[in-house]
Amino acid sequence: MNHLYIVHDGENKYVFRVYTHDWRTELEIQEELRLLNHLKEADRQVAFPIADQSNNFIQKIEAPEGTRFGVLFSYAKGIKTVKFSPETSFLIGQALAKVHQSTEHVELMRMSYNAQNLLKNPVVRTKNFYCKNTTEIQFLESLSDFLTLKMENTDLQKMRYGAVHLDVWFDNLHIDNEKEITFFDFDFCGNGYLCFDISYFLFQLFTTHLNEEEYEAKADHFIRGYETVTKINDEEKKLLPYACLAIMNYYISVQCDRFEYWTNIFLNEDHLKRMVGNLKRWIAYHKIEVK
């Protein structure tokens, strides 16, 4: 969604993110950075923002399309890889649980990820973008109605709530020597159930592992690692198979909203079929009946 640049000062490496024009407001970015600084102070494993000599974190850049914002971040040690071991998956679970310990009850002045923002509004935007009532659009509409009821029937008193990352997967974390995990790219952080991050990680793990035995080994280690830090209660576990579907419905609409940054070759009806195909594979795996 944004443009990233590797910056060197001779000794250290950093990441300079330039947000695309009109993607995030200055307040939204300030809140993202507030969360990251909160996590840094709690000694959590995240890439954090770095202030300039005037103690400002956000730079304003005048581009041909308008004002864009830039932020310098620390560089997450290690590498990005989908081919991590079950033991590393255990460590990812532990690291995420520690982040959640620090984000529970934290409220951001950013989007709240509820049924309206994850399901009802996004499916309308996706339908309007494609301008065709295809079987995939019909499926997303039915799925949205089904998931809305699931979310509305959740016992809110039993759900941990706070600031969520919403995009935790192998592409947004670095693994250093199979021992240390660092999360980055909190661009979609907002308010929601903490189990959203767990569910989304499991879904992305599933889509990147066609071998179900390999997926199950890593998923089991991830959950066990998480629960060495804090328990996932039964109400949260009940929502895990469903929450990621709502999040993916939202991300499909985001791609439509930001079409000019994706190109026509990437974002077309075949892409939608692939996305929906992944959702259906997950649904079949969990024996979910969408009705």
C-alpha atoms as a PDB file:
ATOM      1  CA  MET A   1       0.000   0.000   0.000  1.00  0.00           C
ATOM      2  CA  ASN A   2       2.976   2.298   0.605  1.00  0.00           C
ATOM      3  CA  HIS A   3       6.498   2.820  -0.738  1.00  0.00           C
ATOM      4  CA  LEU A   4       9.465   1.570   1.279  1.00  0.00           C
ATOM      5  CA  TYR A   5      13.125   2.564   1.030  1.00  0.00           C
ATOM      6  CA  ILE A   6      16.141   0.976   2.717  1.00  0.00           C
ATOM      7  CA  VAL A   7      18.303   3.694   4.309  1.00  0.00           C
ATOM      8  CA  HIS A   8      21.929   3.241   5.432  1.00  0.00           C
ATOM      9  CA  ASP A   9      23.995   5.560   7.625  1.00  0.00           C
ATOM     10  CA  GLY A  10      27.239   3.642   7.217  1.00  0.00           C
ATOM     11  CA  GLU A  11      26.687   1.394  10.222  1.00  0.00           C
ATOM     12  CA  ASN A  12      22.980   0.758  10.552  1.00  0.00           C
ATOM     13  CA  LYS A  13      20.073   0.016   8.271  1.00  0.00           C
ATOM     14  CA  TYR A  14      16.602   1.601   8.502  1.00  0.00           C
ATOM     15  CA  VAL A  15      13.329   1.588   6.588  1.00  0.00           C
ATOM     16  CA  PHE A  16      11.782   4.827   5.352  1.00  0.00           C
ATOM     17  CA  ARG A  17       8.100   4.415   4.598  1.00  0.00           C
ATOM     18  CA  VAL A  18       6.369   6.951   2.357  1.00  0.00           C
ATOM     19  CA  TYR A  19       2.610   6.592   2.673  1.00  0.00           C
ATOM     20  CA  THR A  20       0.705   6.800  -0.582  1.00  0.00           C
ATOM     21  CA  HIS A  21      -1.225  10.019  -1.100  1.00  0.00           C
ATOM     22  CA  ASP A  22      -4.577  10.229   0.664  1.00  0.00           C
ATOM     23  CA  TRP A  23      -4.193   6.754   2.192  1.00  0.00           C
ATOM     24  CA  ARG A  24      -3.757   7.672   5.864  1.00  0.00           C
ATOM     25  CA  THR A  25      -4.498  10.911   7.675  1.00  0.00           C
ATOM     26  CA  GLU A  26      -1.795  12.454   9.814  1.00  0.00           C
ATOM     27  CA  LEU A  27      -3.815  11.522  12.916  1.00  0.00           C
ATOM     28  CA  GLU A  28      -4.018   7.876  11.830  1.00  0.00           C
ATOM     29  CA  ILE A  29      -0.251   7.774  11.387  1.00  0.00           C
ATOM     30  CA  GLN A  30       0.288   9.476  14.744  1.00  0.00           C
ATOM     31  CA  GLU A  31      -1.843   6.793  16.378  1.00  0.00           C
ATOM     32  CA  GLU A  32       0.082   4.010  14.636  1.00  0.00           C
ATOM     33  CA  LEU A  33       3.321   5.503  15.936  1.00  0.00           C
ATOM     34  CA  ARG A  34       1.861   5.962  19.416  1.00  0.00           C
ATOM     35  CA  LEU A  35       1.082   2.252  19.482  1.00  0.00           C
ATOM     36  CA  LEU A  36       4.570   1.323  18.277  1.00  0.00           C
ATOM     37  CA  ASN A  37       6.249   3.543  20.861  1.00  0.00           C
ATOM     38  CA  HIS A  38       4.035   2.000  23.534  1.00  0.00           C
ATOM     39  CA  LEU A  39       5.165  -1.465  22.423  1.00  0.00           C
ATOM     40  CA  LYS A  40       8.808  -0.392  22.294  1.00  0.00           C
ATOM     41  CA  GLU A  41       8.589   0.934  25.859  1.00  0.00           C
ATOM     42  CA  ALA A  42       7.093  -2.420  26.892  1.00  0.00           C
ATOM     43  CA  ASP A  43      10.116  -4.146  25.293  1.00  0.00           C
ATOM     44  CA  ARG A  44       8.008  -5.890  22.666  1.00  0.00           C
ATOM     45  CA  GLN A  45       9.572  -7.158  19.454  1.00  0.00           C
ATOM     46  CA  VAL A  46       8.502  -4.539  16.892  1.00  0.00           C
ATOM     47  CA  ALA A  47      10.131  -2.192  14.401  1.00  0.00           C
ATOM     48  CA  PHE A  48       9.714   1.261  15.927  1.00  0.00           C
ATOM     49  CA  PRO A  49       9.644   4.843  14.573  1.00  0.00           C
ATOM     50  CA  ILE A  50      12.695   7.095  14.835  1.00  0.00           C
ATOM     51  CA  ALA A  51      12.378  10.841  15.379  1.00  0.00           C
ATOM     52  CA  ASP A  52      14.368  13.471  13.491  1.00  0.00           C
ATOM     53  CA  GLN A  53      16.637  16.080  15.121  1.00  0.00           C
ATOM     54  CA  SER A  54      13.583  18.213  15.867  1.00  0.00           C
ATOM     55  CA  ASN A  55      11.940  15.245  17.611  1.00  0.00           C
ATOM     56  CA  ASN A  56       9.349  14.850  14.853  1.00  0.00           C
ATOM     57  CA  PHE A  57       8.404  11.376  13.695  1.00  0.00           C
ATOM     58  CA  ILE A  58       6.374  12.351  10.621  1.00  0.00           C
ATOM     59  CA  GLN A  59       7.876  14.061   7.581  1.00  0.00           C
ATOM     60  CA  LYS A  60       5.703  15.884   5.050  1.00  0.00           C
ATOM     61  CA  ILE A  61       6.730  15.429   1.434  1.00  0.00           C
ATOM     62  CA  GLU A  62       5.260  17.499  -1.388  1.00  0.00           C
ATOM     63  CA  ALA A  63       4.729  15.134  -4.323  1.00  0.00           C
ATOM     64  CA  PRO A  64       3.080  15.798  -7.716  1.00  0.00           C
ATOM     65  CA  GLU A  65      -0.092  14.063  -6.499  1.00  0.00           C
ATOM     66  CA  GLY A  66      -0.176  16.042  -3.232  1.00  0.00           C
ATOM     67  CA  THR A  67       1.241  15.871   0.278  1.00  0.00           C
ATOM     68  CA  ARG A  68       2.582  12.511   1.390  1.00  0.00           C
ATOM     69  CA  PHE A  69       3.814  11.476   4.816  1.00  0.00           C
ATOM     70  CA  GLY A  70       7.087   9.716   5.561  1.00  0.00           C
ATOM     71  CA  VAL A  71       8.321   7.903   8.681  1.00  0.00           C
ATOM     72  CA  LEU A  72      11.721   6.363   9.438  1.00  0.00           C
ATOM     73  CA  PHE A  73      11.592   2.980  11.203  1.00  0.00           C
ATOM     74  CA  SER A  74      14.191   0.746  12.779  1.00  0.00           C
ATOM     75  CA  TYR A  75      15.116  -2.237  10.632  1.00  0.00           C
ATOM     76  CA  ALA A  76      13.787  -5.570  11.882  1.00  0.00           C
ATOM     77  CA  LYS A  77      16.686  -7.978  12.330  1.00  0.00           C
ATOM     78  CA  GLY A  78      16.608 -11.251  10.454  1.00  0.00           C
ATOM     79  CA  ILE A  79      14.920 -12.423   7.285  1.00  0.00           C
ATOM     80  CA  LYS A  80      11.450 -12.827   5.846  1.00  0.00           C
ATOM     81  CA  THR A  81      10.584 -16.417   4.964  1.00  0.00           C
ATOM     82  CA  VAL A  82       7.518 -18.607   4.612  1.00  0.00           C
ATOM     83  CA  LYS A  83       9.646 -21.705   5.196  1.00  0.00           C
ATOM     84  CA  PHE A  84       9.990 -21.444   8.956  1.00  0.00           C
ATOM     85  CA  SER A  85       9.932 -24.465  11.247  1.00  0.00           C
ATOM     86  CA  PRO A  86       7.197 -25.494  13.706  1.00  0.00           C
ATOM     87  CA  GLU A  87       9.599 -24.444  16.473  1.00  0.00           C
ATOM     88  CA  THR A  88       9.802 -20.956  14.978  1.00  0.00           C
ATOM     89  CA  SER A  89       6.015 -20.901  14.684  1.00  0.00           C
ATOM     90  CA  PHE A  90       5.975 -21.518  18.450  1.00  0.00           C
ATOM     91  CA  LEU A  91       8.164 -18.430  18.933  1.00  0.00           C
ATOM     92  CA  ILE A  92       5.900 -16.347  16.682  1.00  0.00           C
ATOM     93  CA  GLY A  93       2.962 -17.318  18.884  1.00  0.00           C
ATOM     94  CA  GLN A  94       4.859 -16.312  22.004  1.00  0.00           C
ATOM     95  CA  ALA A  95       5.912 -12.986  20.506  1.00  0.00           C
ATOM     96  CA  LEU A  96       2.374 -12.148  19.366  1.00  0.00           C
ATOM     97  CA  ALA A  97       0.935 -13.004  22.788  1.00  0.00           C
ATOM     98  CA  LYS A  98       3.404 -10.615  24.419  1.00  0.00           C
ATOM     99  CA  VAL A  99       2.338  -7.883  21.999  1.00  0.00           C
ATOM    100  CA  HIS A 100      -1.291  -8.575  22.902  1.00  0.00           C
ATOM    101  CA  GLN A 101      -0.495  -8.337  26.605  1.00  0.00           C
ATOM    102  CA  SER A 102       0.562  -4.758  25.903  1.00  0.00           C
ATOM    103  CA  THR A 103      -2.243  -3.836  23.484  1.00  0.00           C
ATOM    104  CA  GLU A 104      -5.242  -5.185  25.407  1.00  0.00           C
ATOM    105  CA  HIS A 105      -7.446  -2.250  26.507  1.00  0.00           C
ATOM    106  CA  VAL A 106      -5.429   0.175  24.341  1.00  0.00           C
ATOM    107  CA  GLU A 107      -7.783   2.316  22.255  1.00  0.00           C
ATOM    108  CA  LEU A 108      -6.594   3.994  19.078  1.00  0.00           C
ATOM    109  CA  MET A 109      -8.173   6.907  17.255  1.00  0.00           C
ATOM    110  CA  ARG A 110      -8.373   4.697  14.195  1.00  0.00           C
ATOM    111  CA  MET A 111     -10.835   2.286  12.628  1.00  0.00           C
ATOM    112  CA  SER A 112     -12.731  -0.150  14.843  1.00  0.00           C
ATOM    113  CA  TYR A 113     -12.860  -3.543  13.170  1.00  0.00           C
ATOM    114  CA  ASN A 114     -16.477  -4.557  13.677  1.00  0.00           C
ATOM    115  CA  ALA A 115     -19.125  -6.210  11.505  1.00  0.00           C
ATOM    116  CA  GLN A 116     -19.997  -2.915   9.821  1.00  0.00           C
ATOM    117  CA  ASN A 117     -16.409  -2.135   8.806  1.00  0.00           C
ATOM    118  CA  LEU A 118     -15.256  -5.688   8.049  1.00  0.00           C
ATOM    119  CA  LEU A 119     -18.353  -7.086   6.374  1.00  0.00           C
ATOM    120  CA  LYS A 120     -21.318  -4.871   5.552  1.00  0.00           C
ATOM    121  CA  ASN A 121     -19.572  -1.848   4.040  1.00  0.00           C
ATOM    122  CA  PRO A 122     -16.732  -3.743   2.291  1.00  0.00           C
ATOM    123  CA  VAL A 123     -18.935  -6.178   0.382  1.00  0.00           C
ATOM    124  CA  VAL A 124     -20.903  -3.242  -1.053  1.00  0.00           C
ATOM    125  CA  ARG A 125     -17.679  -1.542  -2.203  1.00  0.00           C
ATOM    126  CA  THR A 126     -16.394  -4.761  -3.783  1.00  0.00           C
ATOM    127  CA  LYS A 127     -19.675  -5.294  -5.623  1.00  0.00           C
ATOM    128  CA  ASN A 128     -19.692  -1.711  -6.892  1.00  0.00           C
ATOM    129  CA  PHE A 129     -16.102  -2.040  -8.106  1.00  0.00           C
ATOM    130  CA  TYR A 130     -16.659  -5.170 -10.193  1.00  0.00           C
ATOM    131  CA  CYS A 131     -20.059  -3.978 -11.487  1.00  0.00           C
ATOM    132  CA  LYS A 132     -21.071  -7.600 -12.091  1.00  0.00           C
ATOM    133  CA  ASN A 133     -23.144  -9.901  -9.953  1.00  0.00           C
ATOM    134  CA  THR A 134     -20.778 -12.856 -10.407  1.00  0.00           C
ATOM    135  CA  THR A 135     -20.922 -16.067  -8.381  1.00  0.00           C
ATOM    136  CA  GLU A 136     -17.950 -14.777  -6.365  1.00  0.00           C
ATOM    137  CA  ILE A 137     -19.791 -11.567  -5.480  1.00  0.00           C
ATOM    138  CA  GLN A 138     -22.887 -13.550  -4.533  1.00  0.00           C
ATOM    139  CA  PHE A 139     -20.723 -15.785  -2.362  1.00  0.00           C
ATOM    140  CA  LEU A 140     -19.176 -12.779  -0.575  1.00  0.00           C
ATOM    141  CA  GLU A 141     -22.632 -11.322   0.055  1.00  0.00           C
ATOM    142  CA  SER A 142     -23.866 -14.587   1.579  1.00  0.00           C
ATOM    143  CA  LEU A 143     -20.665 -14.968   3.578  1.00  0.00           C
ATOM    144  CA  SER A 144     -20.959 -11.402   4.870  1.00  0.00           C
ATOM    145  CA  ASP A 145     -24.503 -11.990   6.131  1.00  0.00           C
ATOM    146  CA  PHE A 146     -23.459 -15.277   7.744  1.00  0.00           C
ATOM    147  CA  LEU A 147     -20.390 -13.806   9.457  1.00  0.00           C
ATOM    148  CA  THR A 148     -22.284 -10.733  10.638  1.00  0.00           C
ATOM    149  CA  LEU A 149     -24.603 -12.983  12.634  1.00  0.00           C
ATOM    150  CA  LYS A 150     -21.606 -14.903  14.002  1.00  0.00           C
ATOM    151  CA  MET A 151     -19.932 -11.724  15.207  1.00  0.00           C
ATOM    152  CA  GLU A 152     -23.117 -10.243  16.620  1.00  0.00           C
ATOM    153  CA  ASN A 153     -23.787 -13.433  18.597  1.00  0.00           C
ATOM    154  CA  THR A 154     -20.324 -13.434  20.178  1.00  0.00           C
ATOM    155  CA  ASP A 155     -20.241 -12.968  23.961  1.00  0.00           C
ATOM    156  CA  LEU A 156     -18.436  -9.628  24.137  1.00  0.00           C
ATOM    157  CA  GLN A 157     -17.732  -9.971  27.855  1.00  0.00           C
ATOM    158  CA  LYS A 158     -15.479 -12.951  27.171  1.00  0.00           C
ATOM    159  CA  MET A 159     -13.505 -11.403  24.312  1.00  0.00           C
ATOM    160  CA  ARG A 160     -10.190  -9.630  24.851  1.00  0.00           C
ATOM    161  CA  TYR A 161     -10.316  -6.282  23.080  1.00  0.00           C
ATOM    162  CA  GLY A 162      -7.739  -3.644  22.265  1.00  0.00           C
ATOM    163  CA  ALA A 163      -5.334  -2.528  19.556  1.00  0.00           C
ATOM    164  CA  VAL A 164      -4.768  -5.139  16.843  1.00  0.00           C
ATOM    165  CA  HIS A 165      -2.183  -5.402  14.061  1.00  0.00           C
ATOM    166  CA  LEU A 166      -4.665  -7.087  11.650  1.00  0.00           C
ATOM    167  CA  ASP A 167      -1.980  -8.133   9.154  1.00  0.00           C
ATOM    168  CA  VAL A 168       0.239 -10.598  11.030  1.00  0.00           C
ATOM    169  CA  TRP A 169       1.759 -13.110   8.625  1.00  0.00           C
ATOM    170  CA  PHE A 170       5.172 -14.131   7.343  1.00  0.00           C
ATOM    171  CA  ASP A 171       5.389 -11.063   5.087  1.00  0.00           C
ATOM    172  CA  ASN A 172       5.216  -8.686   8.079  1.00  0.00           C
ATOM    173  CA  LEU A 173       7.737 -10.272  10.422  1.00  0.00           C
ATOM    174  CA  HIS A 174      11.421 -11.062  10.397  1.00  0.00           C
ATOM    175  CA  ILE A 175      13.026 -14.131  11.932  1.00  0.00           C
ATOM    176  CA  ASP A 176      16.560 -13.722  13.246  1.00  0.00           C
ATOM    177  CA  ASN A 177      18.571 -16.933  13.489  1.00  0.00           C
ATOM    178  CA  GLU A 178      15.400 -18.966  14.154  1.00  0.00           C
ATOM    179  CA  LYS A 179      15.263 -17.388  17.608  1.00  0.00           C
ATOM    180  CA  GLU A 180      14.032 -13.798  17.584  1.00  0.00           C
ATOM    181  CA  ILE A 181      10.795 -12.545  16.015  1.00  0.00           C
ATOM    182  CA  THR A 182      10.215  -8.895  15.109  1.00  0.00           C
ATOM    183  CA  PHE A 183       6.858  -7.629  13.834  1.00  0.00           C
ATOM    184  CA  PHE A 184       6.518  -4.644  11.534  1.00  0.00           C
ATOM    185  CA  ASP A 185       4.052  -2.889   9.196  1.00  0.00           C
ATOM    186  CA  PHE A 186       1.305  -1.826  11.603  1.00  0.00           C
ATOM    187  CA  ASP A 187      -0.313   0.183   8.787  1.00  0.00           C
ATOM    188  CA  PHE A 188      -3.676  -1.519   9.363  1.00  0.00           C
ATOM    189  CA  CYS A 189      -3.652  -1.337  13.150  1.00  0.00           C
ATOM    190  CA  GLY A 190      -6.953  -0.451  14.753  1.00  0.00           C
ATOM    191  CA  ASN A 191      -9.381  -1.516  17.447  1.00  0.00           C
ATOM    192  CA  GLY A 192     -10.734  -5.052  17.599  1.00  0.00           C
ATOM    193  CA  TYR A 193     -10.747  -8.450  19.242  1.00  0.00           C
ATOM    194  CA  LEU A 194      -7.206  -9.639  19.881  1.00  0.00           C
ATOM    195  CA  CYS A 195      -8.110 -13.043  18.465  1.00  0.00           C
ATOM    196  CA  PHE A 196      -8.393 -11.361  15.038  1.00  0.00           C
ATOM    197  CA  ASP A 197      -4.585 -11.428  14.800  1.00  0.00           C
ATOM    198  CA  ILE A 198      -4.485 -15.104  15.775  1.00  0.00           C
ATOM    199  CA  SER A 199      -7.147 -16.075  13.253  1.00  0.00           C
ATOM    200  CA  TYR A 200      -5.556 -14.096  10.423  1.00  0.00           C
ATOM    201  CA  PHE A 201      -2.132 -15.618  11.047  1.00  0.00           C
ATOM    202  CA  LEU A 202      -3.637 -19.115  10.947  1.00  0.00           C
ATOM    203  CA  PHE A 203      -5.464 -18.347   7.692  1.00  0.00           C
ATOM    204  CA  GLN A 204      -2.326 -17.044   5.994  1.00  0.00           C
ATOM    205  CA  LEU A 205      -0.400 -20.042   7.311  1.00  0.00           C
ATOM    206  CA  PHE A 206      -3.065 -22.257   5.760  1.00  0.00           C
ATOM    207  CA  THR A 207      -3.002 -20.547   2.351  1.00  0.00           C
ATOM    208  CA  THR A 208       0.797 -20.762   2.143  1.00  0.00           C
ATOM    209  CA  HIS A 209       0.907 -24.459   3.122  1.00  0.00           C
ATOM    210  CA  LEU A 210      -0.945 -26.752   0.746  1.00  0.00           C
ATOM    211  CA  ASN A 211       0.238 -29.736   2.784  1.00  0.00           C
ATOM    212  CA  GLU A 212      -2.325 -29.825   5.587  1.00  0.00           C
ATOM    213  CA  GLU A 213      -0.132 -31.897   7.914  1.00  0.00           C
ATOM    214  CA  GLU A 214       2.601 -29.279   7.668  1.00  0.00           C
ATOM    215  CA  TYR A 215       0.034 -26.537   8.309  1.00  0.00           C
ATOM    216  CA  GLU A 216      -1.387 -28.345  11.329  1.00  0.00           C
ATOM    217  CA  ALA A 217       2.046 -28.853  12.875  1.00  0.00           C
ATOM    218  CA  LYS A 218       2.885 -25.153  12.575  1.00  0.00           C
ATOM    219  CA  ALA A 219      -0.596 -24.026  13.652  1.00  0.00           C
ATOM    220  CA  ASP A 220      -0.429 -26.252  16.732  1.00  0.00           C
ATOM    221  CA  HIS A 221       3.008 -24.928  17.668  1.00  0.00           C
ATOM    222  CA  PHE A 222       1.844 -21.332  17.114  1.00  0.00           C
ATOM    223  CA  ILE A 223      -1.157 -21.762  19.430  1.00  0.00           C
ATOM    224  CA  ARG A 224       0.901 -23.580  22.058  1.00  0.00           C
ATOM    225  CA  GLY A 225       3.529 -20.857  21.945  1.00  0.00           C
ATOM    226  CA  TYR A 226       0.874 -18.176  22.340  1.00  0.00           C
ATOM    227  CA  GLU A 227      -0.695 -19.948  25.306  1.00  0.00           C
ATOM    228  CA  THR A 228       2.600 -20.204  27.174  1.00  0.00           C
ATOM    229  CA  VAL A 229       2.181 -16.444  27.608  1.00  0.00           C
ATOM    230  CA  THR A 230      -1.585 -16.011  27.832  1.00  0.00           C
ATOM    231  CA  LYS A 231      -4.557 -18.304  27.327  1.00  0.00           C
ATOM    232  CA  ILE A 232      -6.998 -18.084  24.430  1.00  0.00           C
ATOM    233  CA  ASN A 233     -10.411 -18.561  26.007  1.00  0.00           C
ATOM    234  CA  ASP A 234     -13.149 -20.785  24.596  1.00  0.00           C
ATOM    235  CA  GLU A 235     -15.206 -17.892  23.196  1.00  0.00           C
ATOM    236  CA  GLU A 236     -12.174 -16.612  21.302  1.00  0.00           C
ATOM    237  CA  LYS A 237     -11.357 -20.086  20.004  1.00  0.00           C
ATOM    238  CA  LYS A 238     -14.915 -20.424  18.690  1.00  0.00           C
ATOM    239  CA  LEU A 239     -14.408 -17.286  16.592  1.00  0.00           C
ATOM    240  CA  LEU A 240     -11.006 -18.256  15.151  1.00  0.00           C
ATOM    241  CA  PRO A 241     -12.353 -20.122  12.069  1.00  0.00           C
ATOM    242  CA  TYR A 242     -14.613 -17.167  11.199  1.00  0.00           C
ATOM    243  CA  ALA A 243     -12.723 -13.974  12.071  1.00  0.00           C
ATOM    244  CA  CYS A 244     -10.134 -14.349   9.297  1.00  0.00           C
ATOM    245  CA  LEU A 245     -12.905 -14.670   6.710  1.00  0.00           C
ATOM    246  CA  ALA A 246     -14.284 -11.299   7.783  1.00  0.00           C
ATOM    247  CA  ILE A 247     -10.812  -9.756   7.641  1.00  0.00           C
ATOM    248  CA  MET A 248     -10.204 -11.145   4.147  1.00  0.00           C
ATOM    249  CA  ASN A 249     -13.550  -9.759   3.004  1.00  0.00           C
ATOM    250  CA  TYR A 250     -12.320  -6.369   4.187  1.00  0.00           C
ATOM    251  CA  TYR A 251      -8.955  -6.692   2.434  1.00  0.00           C
ATOM    252  CA  ILE A 252     -10.618  -7.590  -0.860  1.00  0.00           C
ATOM    253  CA  SER A 253     -12.502  -4.291  -0.662  1.00  0.00           C
ATOM    254  CA  VAL A 254      -9.304  -2.402   0.215  1.00  0.00           C
ATOM    255  CA  GLN A 255      -7.697  -3.676  -2.980  1.00  0.00           C
ATOM    256  CA  CYS A 256     -10.714  -2.405  -4.893  1.00  0.00           C
ATOM    257  CA  ASP A 257     -10.605   0.961  -3.121  1.00  0.00           C
ATOM    258  CA  ARG A 258      -6.930   1.395  -4.001  1.00  0.00           C
ATOM    259  CA  PHE A 259      -7.202   0.094  -7.558  1.00  0.00           C
ATOM    260  CA  GLU A 260      -4.950   2.804  -8.976  1.00  0.00           C
ATOM    261  CA  TYR A 261      -2.032   1.402  -6.952  1.00  0.00           C
ATOM    262  CA  TRP A 262      -2.542  -2.226  -8.045  1.00  0.00           C
ATOM    263  CA  THR A 263      -3.066  -2.105 -11.847  1.00  0.00           C
ATOM    264  CA  ASN A 264      -5.640  -3.796 -14.007  1.00  0.00           C
ATOM    265  CA  ILE A 265      -3.413  -6.836 -14.639  1.00  0.00           C
ATOM    266  CA  PHE A 266      -3.281  -7.678 -10.946  1.00  0.00           C
ATOM    267  CA  LEU A 267      -6.792  -6.779  -9.821  1.00  0.00           C
ATOM    268  CA  ASN A 268      -9.328  -8.490 -12.072  1.00  0.00           C
ATOM    269  CA  GLU A 269     -12.037 -11.152 -11.944  1.00  0.00           C
ATOM    270  CA  ASP A 270      -9.475 -13.970 -11.972  1.00  0.00           C
ATOM    271  CA  HIS A 271      -7.818 -12.454  -8.910  1.00  0.00           C
ATOM    272  CA  LEU A 272     -11.181 -12.341  -7.139  1.00  0.00           C
ATOM    273  CA  LYS A 273     -11.747 -16.002  -8.022  1.00  0.00           C
ATOM    274  CA  ARG A 274      -8.380 -16.907  -6.490  1.00  0.00           C
ATOM    275  CA  MET A 275      -9.154 -14.961  -3.336  1.00  0.00           C
ATOM    276  CA  VAL A 276     -12.591 -16.536  -2.977  1.00  0.00           C
ATOM    277  CA  GLY A 277     -11.054 -19.933  -3.741  1.00  0.00           C
ATOM    278  CA  ASN A 278      -8.777 -19.565  -0.715  1.00  0.00           C
ATOM    279  CA  LEU A 279     -11.766 -18.654   1.450  1.00  0.00           C
ATOM    280  CA  LYS A 280     -13.686 -21.695   0.228  1.00  0.00           C
ATOM    281  CA  ARG A 281     -10.733 -23.987   0.885  1.00  0.00           C
ATOM    282  CA  TRP A 282     -10.537 -22.719   4.481  1.00  0.00           C
ATOM    283  CA  ILE A 283     -14.295 -23.091   4.883  1.00  0.00           C
ATOM    284  CA  ALA A 284     -14.153 -26.675   3.619  1.00  0.00           C
ATOM    285  CA  TYR A 285     -11.225 -27.497   5.909  1.00  0.00           C
ATOM    286  CA  HIS A 286     -13.165 -26.283   8.951  1.00  0.00           C
ATOM    287  CA  LYS A 287     -16.434 -27.855   7.727  1.00  0.00           C
ATOM    288  CA  ILE A 288     -18.224 -24.510   7.968  1.00  0.00           C
ATOM    289  CA  GLU A 289     -21.724 -24.360   6.496  1.00  0.00           C
ATOM    290  CA  VAL A 290     -22.410 -20.883   5.162  1.00  0.00           C
ATOM    291  CA  LYS A 291     -26.159 -20.397   5.371  1.00  0.00           C
END
